[in-house]
Amino acid sequence: MSSVANTSYEAKIRGEPARRLLVLHTDILDDIDDADALVAAVQLLLEGKYDRLIVITAGKGKHTARAIFCGFLVKEMLKLPRGTSIRDLPVLIYEGCTPGPAEGNYMDPAMTAAGLEAIPSVREGAQRIRNEVEAAGEVLLLVAAPVDEDLLALKLHEFPRVKACIMTGAFAAAFDGMEIDNHKFAEYNASGNPQGLALLGQAFGRRMLMCPLDSSADNARVSYWEGDVLPNCPLFYQWAYKTWVASMKTKKKTKVLQGLRDGEASNIKFDLRALYDGLRWIGWIRRGIQVTPRIVSVLPGGQTTCQWFGSGRASQEPLGNFYAIVSFHGCGYFQAWARKYLTAGSPSALVEKKYAATRAQAWWRGVAVRAKKSESPKRKRESSDSSSAAAKKTKVVA
């Protein structure tokens, strides 16, 4: 396990406050983009972009399976034995409590049984979570699921240092720029609990970044996926992805699997894109982000509207309005960033990183050599020019 992970684990045991804390609220297992976000989140933790990670499962039901999946993925990435208890991980994992039938698109029941253990619920760990948040220097709450009662009950908005980034809503476009009527179309997370979204937005206001489908689903597919990226992802993630694809084919959700460029695209990385935008917004990665302040309205069916974007005023009364920062803009660098953090740590990715560093060093050596060669004649000319000038000056004086 890396030194970063050891440092985080020791800080957890000693109860030292985190300088930067990421809280991930995720309905992992329903769709694969949550697993994408978790892989990148753990890798960013190992890289030291922040020093504490808390995962809270969301969605309807199957919370033990969701937590166990998170545990297995974290153990592989930290190179820990599979028998390590979730309670002993440097990443704090809590089960949600929202009941109901879950999608469960990529979890093997046998795997759940193999990892079955007593996992703390978010209600049991609520005070611990609030203590961690209160003690931390900076906190980013990434909401990658419908807002539920567990999240609202934590009241994280009460801490001024907490900023929230939520993947939700759609104003004018959905999959790959497909135009929509936002009075009829409701994004999944928003429709899961429209009232909860309105309450969360009102609580955070200007401290909340909203990542709608307009940005998170546009140009957010990872190119050259199956040939270049997937084979270099963590093995447990590869298994989960293939299980998820089989489930999508069974349910005939081909639109999710296909992209604008056949053969170059996979599923849309909604939650991974939201993580990327949130980290840029809070300043934990050095990439600027274009955001727009908007007053957002949430309709009873989960539809979202805002002034000057999408269709006009809704005919029905909204559940609530809130002031939020909205990310509407695409970002070409997301592709390179996603490939880096989905594959970092794999043997082939490390080899490629080593070769890339070697190539970079060779390139810089070449630049230095060429610069030296170009400067040599210049220096000779300068010295000869100065000599002739001195000779002329001497002659004139004489």
Protein backbone atom coordinates (compact mmCIF):
# COMPACT_ATOMS: atom_id res chain seq x y z
CA MET A 1 0.00 0.00 0.00
CA SER A 2 1.31 3.44 -0.84
CA SER A 3 2.60 5.90 1.71
CA VAL A 4 -0.39 8.16 1.07
CA ALA A 5 -2.78 5.37 2.04
CA ASN A 6 -0.73 4.59 5.17
CA THR A 7 -0.75 8.25 6.18
CA SER A 8 -4.53 8.42 5.72
CA TYR A 9 -5.05 5.23 7.72
CA GLU A 10 -2.83 6.42 10.60
CA ALA A 11 -4.64 9.77 10.64
CA LYS A 12 -7.95 7.91 10.82
CA ILE A 13 -6.77 5.88 13.84
CA ARG A 14 -5.37 8.93 15.66
CA GLY A 15 -8.44 10.97 14.84
CA GLU A 16 -6.43 13.72 13.15
CA PRO A 17 -8.53 16.12 11.06
CA ALA A 18 -8.34 15.90 7.30
CA ARG A 19 -6.94 18.82 5.37
CA ARG A 20 -9.22 17.93 2.46
CA LEU A 21 -12.18 15.56 2.69
CA LEU A 22 -14.27 14.07 -0.12
CA VAL A 23 -17.69 12.63 0.79
CA LEU A 24 -19.13 10.42 -1.97
CA HIS A 25 -22.88 9.76 -1.85
CA THR A 26 -23.43 7.02 -4.44
CA ASP A 27 -26.02 4.50 -5.64
CA ILE A 28 -23.21 2.25 -6.81
CA LEU A 29 -24.37 -1.05 -8.41
CA ASP A 30 -27.28 0.57 -10.26
CA ASP A 31 -25.11 1.83 -13.13
CA ILE A 32 -21.40 1.58 -13.80
CA ASP A 33 -20.62 5.32 -13.76
CA ASP A 34 -20.65 5.24 -9.93
CA ALA A 35 -17.88 2.63 -10.02
CA ASP A 36 -15.95 4.87 -12.44
CA ALA A 37 -16.19 7.70 -9.92
CA LEU A 38 -15.07 5.46 -7.03
CA VAL A 39 -12.02 4.17 -8.93
CA ALA A 40 -10.93 7.73 -9.73
CA ALA A 41 -11.72 8.91 -6.18
CA VAL A 42 -9.50 6.25 -4.60
CA GLN A 43 -6.70 6.92 -7.07
CA LEU A 44 -6.90 10.65 -6.34
CA LEU A 45 -6.69 9.82 -2.62
CA LEU A 46 -3.52 7.81 -3.26
CA GLU A 47 -2.11 10.69 -5.27
CA GLY A 48 -2.72 13.08 -2.40
CA LYS A 49 -5.30 15.40 -3.99
CA TYR A 50 -7.14 15.00 -0.66
CA ASP A 51 -6.37 12.98 2.44
CA ARG A 52 -9.70 11.48 3.50
CA LEU A 53 -12.52 9.72 1.64
CA ILE A 54 -15.96 8.81 3.01
CA VAL A 55 -18.37 6.70 0.94
CA ILE A 56 -22.09 6.58 1.75
CA THR A 57 -24.27 4.20 -0.24
CA ALA A 58 -27.55 5.53 -1.63
CA GLY A 59 -30.33 4.28 -3.88
CA LYS A 60 -33.10 1.86 -3.01
CA GLY A 61 -32.15 -1.29 -1.10
CA LYS A 62 -29.17 -3.67 -1.41
CA HIS A 63 -27.03 -1.39 0.73
CA THR A 64 -24.95 -4.22 2.16
CA ALA A 65 -24.12 -5.39 -1.37
CA ARG A 66 -23.29 -1.82 -2.39
CA ALA A 67 -20.97 -1.34 0.60
CA ILE A 68 -19.29 -4.71 0.04
CA PHE A 69 -18.66 -3.85 -3.60
CA CYS A 70 -17.03 -0.57 -2.53
CA GLY A 71 -14.93 -2.51 -0.02
CA PHE A 72 -13.68 -5.06 -2.57
CA LEU A 73 -12.73 -2.33 -5.04
CA VAL A 74 -10.91 -0.28 -2.39
CA LYS A 75 -9.03 -3.35 -1.13
CA GLU A 76 -7.76 -4.18 -4.62
CA MET A 77 -6.62 -0.63 -5.30
CA LEU A 78 -4.87 -0.39 -1.91
CA LYS A 79 -3.40 -3.89 -2.36
CA LEU A 80 -5.00 -5.20 0.82
CA PRO A 81 -6.13 -8.81 1.42
CA ARG A 82 -9.77 -9.45 0.54
CA GLY A 83 -10.37 -10.63 4.07
CA THR A 84 -9.60 -7.18 5.47
CA SER A 85 -12.63 -5.83 7.33
CA ILE A 86 -14.38 -2.83 5.81
CA ARG A 87 -14.19 -1.24 9.26
CA ASP A 88 -10.36 -1.33 9.04
CA LEU A 89 -10.06 0.40 5.66
CA PRO A 90 -8.56 3.89 5.33
CA VAL A 91 -11.69 4.74 3.32
CA LEU A 92 -14.73 5.07 5.58
CA ILE A 93 -17.73 3.19 4.11
CA TYR A 94 -21.29 3.47 5.44
CA GLU A 95 -24.48 1.71 4.36
CA GLY A 96 -27.47 3.82 3.44
CA CYS A 97 -30.88 2.99 4.87
CA THR A 98 -33.31 3.84 2.05
CA PRO A 99 -35.50 0.77 1.40
CA GLY A 100 -36.91 -0.47 -1.90
CA PRO A 101 -36.05 -2.60 -4.96
CA ALA A 102 -32.59 -1.86 -6.36
CA GLU A 103 -31.45 -2.10 -9.98
CA GLY A 104 -28.41 -4.17 -8.99
CA ASN A 105 -26.96 -4.28 -12.50
CA TYR A 106 -23.51 -5.65 -11.68
CA MET A 107 -23.16 -7.50 -8.39
CA ASP A 108 -22.83 -11.27 -8.07
CA PRO A 109 -24.78 -12.67 -5.06
CA ALA A 110 -21.89 -15.06 -4.41
CA MET A 111 -19.56 -12.08 -4.11
CA THR A 112 -21.91 -10.47 -1.61
CA ALA A 113 -21.94 -13.64 0.48
CA ALA A 114 -18.14 -13.86 0.36
CA GLY A 115 -17.77 -10.35 1.77
CA LEU A 116 -20.68 -10.38 4.20
CA GLU A 117 -19.88 -8.61 7.45
CA ALA A 118 -21.38 -6.09 9.85
CA ILE A 119 -21.06 -2.71 8.15
CA PRO A 120 -21.99 0.52 9.99
CA SER A 121 -25.03 2.32 8.66
CA VAL A 122 -24.99 6.03 7.88
CA ARG A 123 -27.39 6.60 10.76
CA GLU A 124 -25.03 4.83 13.17
CA GLY A 125 -22.08 6.79 11.83
CA ALA A 126 -23.84 10.15 11.46
CA GLN A 127 -22.05 11.80 14.35
CA ARG A 128 -18.67 10.44 13.23
CA ILE A 129 -19.27 11.79 9.73
CA ARG A 130 -20.28 15.21 11.07
CA ASN A 131 -17.20 15.26 13.32
CA GLU A 132 -14.93 14.47 10.36
CA VAL A 133 -16.57 17.21 8.30
CA GLU A 134 -16.41 19.77 11.09
CA ALA A 135 -12.70 19.10 11.70
CA ALA A 136 -11.67 19.11 8.02
CA GLY A 137 -10.13 22.12 6.32
CA GLU A 138 -12.05 21.80 3.04
CA VAL A 139 -14.92 19.43 2.18
CA LEU A 140 -16.44 18.45 -1.15
CA LEU A 141 -19.73 16.53 -1.05
CA LEU A 142 -20.27 14.67 -4.34
CA VAL A 143 -23.91 13.61 -4.72
CA ALA A 144 -24.03 10.92 -7.41
CA ALA A 145 -27.49 9.56 -6.59
CA PRO A 146 -31.02 10.74 -5.80
CA VAL A 147 -31.03 12.89 -2.67
CA ASP A 148 -32.35 10.74 0.20
CA GLU A 149 -33.39 11.27 3.79
CA ASP A 150 -30.05 9.94 5.09
CA LEU A 151 -28.15 12.68 3.29
CA LEU A 152 -30.54 15.42 4.33
CA ALA A 153 -30.43 14.21 7.96
CA LEU A 154 -26.63 14.73 8.06
CA LYS A 155 -27.22 18.48 7.56
CA LEU A 156 -23.77 18.98 6.07
CA HIS A 157 -24.86 22.39 4.77
CA GLU A 158 -24.54 23.64 8.35
CA PHE A 159 -20.74 23.65 7.95
CA PRO A 160 -19.64 26.70 5.90
CA ARG A 161 -16.53 24.93 4.57
CA VAL A 162 -18.63 22.25 2.79
CA LYS A 163 -19.29 22.64 -0.93
CA ALA A 164 -21.67 20.28 -2.74
CA CYS A 165 -21.42 19.01 -6.31
CA ILE A 166 -24.47 17.12 -7.59
CA MET A 167 -24.94 15.21 -10.83
CA THR A 168 -28.59 15.89 -11.62
CA GLY A 169 -31.06 17.62 -13.89
CA ALA A 170 -31.36 18.37 -17.60
CA PHE A 171 -32.33 21.69 -19.16
CA ALA A 172 -32.05 21.41 -22.93
CA ALA A 173 -30.08 18.27 -23.79
CA ALA A 174 -29.57 14.70 -22.62
CA PHE A 175 -27.63 11.81 -24.22
CA ASP A 176 -24.91 13.11 -26.55
CA GLY A 177 -26.57 16.48 -27.03
CA MET A 178 -30.04 15.07 -27.82
CA GLU A 179 -32.55 17.92 -27.49
CA ILE A 180 -35.28 17.51 -24.88
CA ASP A 181 -38.37 19.24 -23.56
CA ASN A 182 -37.36 19.84 -19.97
CA HIS A 183 -41.01 20.18 -18.92
CA LYS A 184 -41.48 16.50 -19.81
CA PHE A 185 -38.02 14.90 -19.51
CA ALA A 186 -36.74 14.20 -15.98
CA GLU A 187 -33.17 13.11 -15.27
CA TYR A 188 -32.92 9.93 -13.14
CA ASN A 189 -31.37 11.41 -9.98
CA ALA A 190 -33.77 14.35 -9.99
CA SER A 191 -36.83 12.16 -10.52
CA GLY A 192 -35.72 9.84 -7.70
CA ASN A 193 -36.57 12.46 -5.08
CA PRO A 194 -37.54 15.88 -6.50
CA GLN A 195 -38.43 17.26 -3.09
CA GLY A 196 -35.07 16.16 -1.67
CA LEU A 197 -33.25 17.89 -4.54
CA ALA A 198 -35.17 21.11 -3.92
CA LEU A 199 -34.36 21.00 -0.20
CA LEU A 200 -30.67 20.29 -0.77
CA GLY A 201 -30.42 23.10 -3.30
CA GLN A 202 -32.11 25.56 -0.96
CA ALA A 203 -29.80 24.50 1.88
CA PHE A 204 -26.53 24.93 -0.07
CA GLY A 205 -27.47 27.69 -2.52
CA ARG A 206 -24.33 29.29 -3.98
CA ARG A 207 -22.20 26.55 -2.41
CA MET A 208 -23.66 23.92 -4.76
CA LEU A 209 -22.42 23.07 -8.24
CA MET A 210 -25.06 21.39 -10.40
CA CYS A 211 -23.81 19.13 -13.21
CA PRO A 212 -26.79 18.49 -15.53
CA LEU A 213 -26.95 16.07 -18.44
CA ASP A 214 -26.31 19.07 -20.70
CA SER A 215 -22.63 18.88 -19.68
CA SER A 216 -22.15 15.50 -17.98
CA ALA A 217 -23.62 13.52 -20.91
CA ASP A 218 -22.13 15.61 -23.70
CA ASN A 219 -18.66 14.55 -24.86
CA ALA A 220 -18.30 12.56 -21.63
CA ARG A 221 -17.77 9.12 -23.15
CA VAL A 222 -14.23 7.74 -22.95
CA SER A 223 -12.79 7.03 -26.40
CA TYR A 224 -10.84 3.87 -27.32
CA TRP A 225 -12.47 2.21 -24.32
CA GLU A 226 -12.34 -1.57 -24.83
CA GLY A 227 -9.03 -1.64 -26.67
CA ASP A 228 -6.95 0.75 -24.59
CA VAL A 229 -8.62 1.79 -21.34
CA LEU A 230 -10.65 -1.09 -19.93
CA PRO A 231 -7.81 -3.69 -19.98
CA ASN A 232 -5.76 -1.33 -17.77
CA CYS A 233 -8.49 -0.70 -15.18
CA PRO A 234 -8.52 -2.52 -11.79
CA LEU A 235 -9.46 -6.19 -12.30
CA PHE A 236 -12.49 -6.02 -10.01
CA TYR A 237 -13.77 -3.04 -11.98
CA GLN A 238 -13.25 -4.90 -15.28
CA TRP A 239 -15.39 -7.76 -14.01
CA ALA A 240 -18.07 -5.30 -12.84
CA TYR A 241 -18.09 -3.47 -16.17
CA LYS A 242 -18.54 -6.66 -18.19
CA THR A 243 -21.35 -7.77 -15.87
CA TRP A 244 -22.99 -4.39 -16.28
CA VAL A 245 -22.75 -4.52 -20.10
CA ALA A 246 -24.41 -7.95 -20.13
CA SER A 247 -27.21 -6.55 -17.96
CA MET A 248 -27.71 -3.55 -20.27
CA LYS A 249 -27.90 -5.84 -23.32
CA THR A 250 -30.48 -8.00 -21.57
CA LYS A 251 -32.54 -4.90 -20.82
CA LYS A 252 -31.95 -3.63 -24.38
CA LYS A 253 -30.54 -0.31 -23.22
CA THR A 254 -28.34 0.04 -26.28
CA LYS A 255 -28.39 3.85 -26.19
CA VAL A 256 -26.38 3.76 -22.97
CA LEU A 257 -23.77 1.47 -24.50
CA GLN A 258 -23.39 3.17 -27.85
CA GLY A 259 -21.86 6.53 -28.58
CA LEU A 260 -21.54 9.03 -31.37
CA ARG A 261 -18.42 7.24 -32.64
CA ASP A 262 -19.10 3.53 -33.00
CA GLY A 263 -16.18 1.46 -31.79
CA GLU A 264 -14.65 4.35 -29.83
CA ALA A 265 -17.21 4.86 -27.10
CA SER A 266 -18.63 3.09 -24.10
CA ASN A 267 -21.14 4.12 -21.46
CA ILE A 268 -21.55 7.74 -20.50
CA LYS A 269 -19.48 8.70 -17.48
CA PHE A 270 -22.07 10.87 -15.71
CA ASP A 271 -20.70 10.63 -12.16
CA LEU A 272 -17.05 10.63 -13.21
CA ARG A 273 -17.64 13.86 -15.10
CA ALA A 274 -19.38 15.33 -12.02
CA LEU A 275 -16.34 14.39 -9.89
CA TYR A 276 -14.06 16.05 -12.43
CA ASP A 277 -16.13 19.24 -12.49
CA GLY A 278 -16.41 19.32 -8.70
CA LEU A 279 -12.66 18.99 -8.20
CA ARG A 280 -12.00 21.76 -10.70
CA TRP A 281 -14.62 23.97 -9.09
CA ILE A 282 -13.23 23.60 -5.56
CA GLY A 283 -9.67 23.96 -6.87
CA TRP A 284 -8.21 20.57 -5.96
CA ILE A 285 -7.07 19.97 -9.53
CA ARG A 286 -5.53 22.71 -11.64
CA ARG A 287 -8.00 23.07 -14.44
CA GLY A 288 -10.33 26.01 -14.84
CA ILE A 289 -14.08 25.50 -15.15
CA GLN A 290 -16.76 27.64 -16.75
CA VAL A 291 -19.84 27.90 -14.56
CA THR A 292 -23.00 29.97 -14.68
CA PRO A 293 -25.10 31.16 -11.71
CA ARG A 294 -28.76 30.28 -12.20
CA ILE A 295 -32.03 30.10 -10.30
CA VAL A 296 -33.17 26.49 -10.73
CA SER A 297 -36.74 25.25 -10.33
CA VAL A 298 -37.59 21.61 -9.56
CA LEU A 299 -40.98 20.41 -10.80
CA PRO A 300 -43.02 17.65 -9.09
CA GLY A 301 -41.96 15.04 -11.67
CA GLY A 302 -38.26 15.79 -11.27
CA GLN A 303 -37.99 18.07 -14.31
CA THR A 304 -35.59 20.98 -13.86
CA THR A 305 -35.87 24.43 -15.42
CA CYS A 306 -33.87 27.63 -15.20
CA GLN A 307 -34.06 31.07 -16.69
CA TRP A 308 -32.48 31.68 -20.12
CA PHE A 309 -31.73 27.99 -20.69
CA GLY A 310 -34.03 25.28 -21.99
CA SER A 311 -37.70 25.96 -22.64
CA GLY A 312 -39.70 28.70 -20.98
CA ARG A 313 -41.57 28.97 -17.72
CA ALA A 314 -43.26 25.77 -16.51
CA SER A 315 -47.04 25.58 -16.40
CA GLN A 316 -47.04 23.67 -13.09
CA GLU A 317 -45.97 25.04 -9.74
CA PRO A 318 -42.39 24.00 -8.78
CA LEU A 319 -41.61 22.15 -5.56
CA GLY A 320 -38.92 24.67 -4.85
CA ASN A 321 -36.46 27.15 -6.34
CA PHE A 322 -32.83 27.54 -5.40
CA TYR A 323 -29.81 29.53 -6.48
CA ALA A 324 -27.00 27.30 -7.76
CA ILE A 325 -23.83 27.37 -9.82
CA VAL A 326 -24.44 25.31 -12.96
CA SER A 327 -21.83 23.67 -15.19
CA PHE A 328 -23.05 23.84 -18.80
CA HIS A 329 -19.78 23.68 -20.66
CA GLY A 330 -17.95 20.74 -22.16
CA CYS A 331 -14.27 20.07 -21.61
CA GLY A 332 -11.98 18.24 -24.01
CA TYR A 333 -9.38 17.52 -21.32
CA PHE A 334 -11.86 15.28 -19.49
CA GLN A 335 -10.99 12.43 -21.87
CA ALA A 336 -7.30 12.41 -20.93
CA TRP A 337 -8.08 12.91 -17.23
CA ALA A 338 -10.57 10.01 -17.17
CA ARG A 339 -8.16 7.63 -18.90
CA LYS A 340 -5.42 8.58 -16.45
CA TYR A 341 -7.38 8.00 -13.26
CA LEU A 342 -9.31 4.93 -14.40
CA THR A 343 -6.10 3.12 -15.32
CA ALA A 344 -3.54 4.53 -12.87
CA GLY A 345 -1.98 1.82 -10.73
CA SER A 346 -2.37 -1.03 -13.22
CA PRO A 347 0.91 -2.71 -14.34
CA SER A 348 0.52 -1.68 -17.98
CA ALA A 349 -0.43 1.88 -17.01
CA LEU A 350 2.65 2.15 -14.78
CA VAL A 351 4.86 0.83 -17.59
CA GLU A 352 3.32 3.34 -19.99
CA LYS A 353 3.88 6.11 -17.43
CA LYS A 354 7.54 5.09 -17.13
CA TYR A 355 8.00 5.10 -20.91
CA ALA A 356 6.22 8.46 -21.16
CA ALA A 357 8.58 9.91 -18.55
CA THR A 358 11.57 8.49 -20.44
CA ARG A 359 10.31 9.99 -23.70
CA ALA A 360 9.76 13.33 -21.98
CA GLN A 361 13.30 13.29 -20.57
CA ALA A 362 14.73 12.43 -23.99
CA TRP A 363 12.72 15.24 -25.56
CA TRP A 364 14.00 17.77 -23.01
CA ARG A 365 17.59 16.57 -23.51
CA GLY A 366 17.13 17.09 -27.25
CA VAL A 367 15.79 20.59 -26.65
CA ALA A 368 18.79 21.41 -24.46
CA VAL A 369 21.25 20.08 -27.05
CA ARG A 370 19.59 22.00 -29.89
CA ALA A 371 19.52 25.16 -27.81
CA LYS A 372 23.20 24.80 -27.01
CA LYS A 373 24.09 24.26 -30.66
CA SER A 374 22.08 27.26 -31.76
CA GLU A 375 23.71 29.46 -29.13
CA SER A 376 27.34 28.52 -30.00
CA PRO A 377 27.57 30.28 -33.41
CA LYS A 378 25.71 33.23 -31.95
CA ARG A 379 28.28 33.56 -29.19
CA LYS A 380 31.13 33.37 -31.74
CA ARG A 381 29.50 36.07 -33.86
CA GLU A 382 28.93 38.23 -30.79
CA SER A 383 32.56 37.83 -29.71
CA SER A 384 33.87 38.59 -33.21
CA ASP A 385 31.55 41.58 -33.52
CA SER A 386 32.72 42.94 -30.18
CA SER A 387 36.39 42.40 -31.19
CA SER A 388 35.95 44.28 -34.47
CA ALA A 389 34.07 47.05 -32.70
CA ALA A 390 36.90 47.38 -30.17
CA ALA A 391 39.48 47.45 -32.98
CA LYS A 392 37.60 50.22 -34.79
CA LYS A 393 37.31 52.19 -31.57
CA THR A 394 41.07 51.87 -30.95
CA LYS A 395 41.79 53.02 -34.50
CA VAL A 396 39.58 56.07 -34.15
CA VAL A 397 41.21 57.03 -30.87
CA ALA A 398 44.63 56.68 -32.37
